[in-house]
Protein backbone atom coordinates (compact mmCIF):
# COMPACT_ATOMS: atom_id res chain seq x y z
CA MET A 1 0.00 0.00 0.00
CA THR A 2 1.27 3.47 -0.86
CA ALA A 3 1.59 5.81 2.09
CA HIS A 4 0.07 9.23 1.60
CA VAL A 5 1.96 12.14 3.09
CA ARG A 6 -0.42 14.46 4.87
CA LYS A 7 0.22 17.84 6.43
CA ALA A 8 -1.87 19.85 8.86
CA LEU A 9 -3.41 23.15 7.85
CA HIS A 10 -4.07 25.47 10.75
CA ALA A 11 -6.09 28.66 10.56
CA TYR A 12 -7.91 30.99 12.90
CA LEU A 13 -11.35 31.81 11.53
CA SER A 14 -14.25 33.85 12.73
CA GLU A 15 -16.97 31.74 14.28
CA GLU A 16 -19.20 32.46 11.29
CA ALA A 17 -16.54 31.41 8.77
CA TYR A 18 -15.79 28.27 10.76
CA GLU A 19 -19.46 27.28 10.82
CA THR A 20 -19.84 28.09 7.11
CA TRP A 21 -16.92 25.86 6.08
CA HIS A 22 -18.15 22.95 8.16
CA ARG A 23 -21.76 23.36 7.07
CA PHE A 24 -20.68 23.48 3.42
CA ALA A 25 -18.69 20.24 3.78
CA GLU A 26 -21.55 18.55 5.63
CA GLU A 27 -24.09 19.58 2.99
CA CYS A 28 -21.79 18.17 0.31
CA GLY A 29 -21.45 14.92 2.24
CA VAL A 30 -17.69 15.10 2.71
CA SER A 31 -15.22 16.14 5.38
CA LEU A 32 -13.69 19.59 5.43
CA SER A 33 -10.30 17.95 4.87
CA ALA A 34 -11.59 16.44 1.63
CA VAL A 35 -12.94 19.81 0.46
CA LEU A 36 -9.62 21.54 1.15
CA THR A 37 -7.62 18.73 -0.46
CA ALA A 38 -9.73 18.86 -3.61
CA LEU A 39 -9.70 22.66 -3.65
CA GLY A 40 -5.90 22.89 -3.54
CA PRO A 41 -5.19 21.98 -7.18
CA ALA A 42 -8.05 24.20 -8.35
CA LEU A 43 -6.43 27.18 -6.65
CA SER A 44 -3.15 26.66 -8.49
CA ASP A 45 -4.57 28.54 -11.50
CA PRO A 46 -7.10 31.12 -10.32
CA SER A 47 -7.74 32.28 -13.90
CA GLU A 48 -9.50 28.98 -14.55
CA MET A 49 -11.74 29.22 -11.48
CA THR A 50 -15.45 29.47 -12.18
CA THR A 51 -18.10 29.07 -9.55
CA GLY A 52 -20.58 26.51 -10.88
CA GLN A 53 -18.94 23.71 -12.81
CA LYS A 54 -15.57 24.03 -11.08
CA LEU A 55 -17.19 23.80 -7.65
CA GLU A 56 -19.08 20.68 -8.71
CA ALA A 57 -15.82 19.16 -9.93
CA ILE A 58 -14.11 20.00 -6.62
CA ILE A 59 -16.90 18.37 -4.60
CA SER A 60 -16.84 15.34 -6.90
CA GLN A 61 -13.09 15.04 -6.36
CA ALA A 62 -13.57 15.41 -2.59
CA LYS A 63 -16.10 12.57 -2.63
CA ASP A 64 -13.75 10.39 -4.67
CA ASP A 65 -10.90 11.11 -2.24
CA GLU A 66 -13.06 10.27 0.78
CA ARG A 67 -14.23 7.03 -0.85
CA ASP A 68 -10.64 6.03 -1.60
CA LYS A 69 -9.59 6.86 1.96
CA ARG A 70 -12.40 4.74 3.42
CA ARG A 71 -11.48 1.82 1.18
CA ALA A 72 -7.82 2.06 2.13
CA ARG A 73 -8.73 2.24 5.82
CA ARG A 74 -11.03 -0.81 5.57
CA LYS A 75 -8.34 -2.71 3.67
CA ALA A 76 -5.73 -1.86 6.32
CA ILE A 77 -8.07 -2.95 9.13
CA ALA A 78 -8.84 -6.21 7.33
CA GLN A 79 -5.13 -6.83 6.81
CA ARG A 80 -4.38 -6.24 10.51
CA THR A 81 -7.23 -8.59 11.45
CA VAL A 82 -5.80 -11.32 9.23
CA GLU A 83 -2.31 -10.78 10.64
CA LYS A 84 -3.60 -11.00 14.24
CA ALA A 85 -5.52 -14.17 13.41
CA GLN A 86 -2.41 -15.70 11.89
CA GLN A 87 -0.36 -14.80 14.96
CA THR A 88 -2.80 -16.52 17.30
CA SER A 89 -3.04 -19.68 15.17
């Protein structure tokens, strides 16, 4: 399995901005981390940013990333379970 390097992003936001970010992610059905991860590449070229279609693409990417993360997590848990079972046999 390929390890993904992750880094923390820390920011101080107003209470309203904080709630807005989290509400947006919740309404899209993804975590805020997934939104920010998917948004990163889109911000690399602001001239190509549009609100409608680009935002849909970012949310779609966030959902794909979350799905992949869940699958990798389940696979890792299953692997550890198998390894523990083999150790006790």
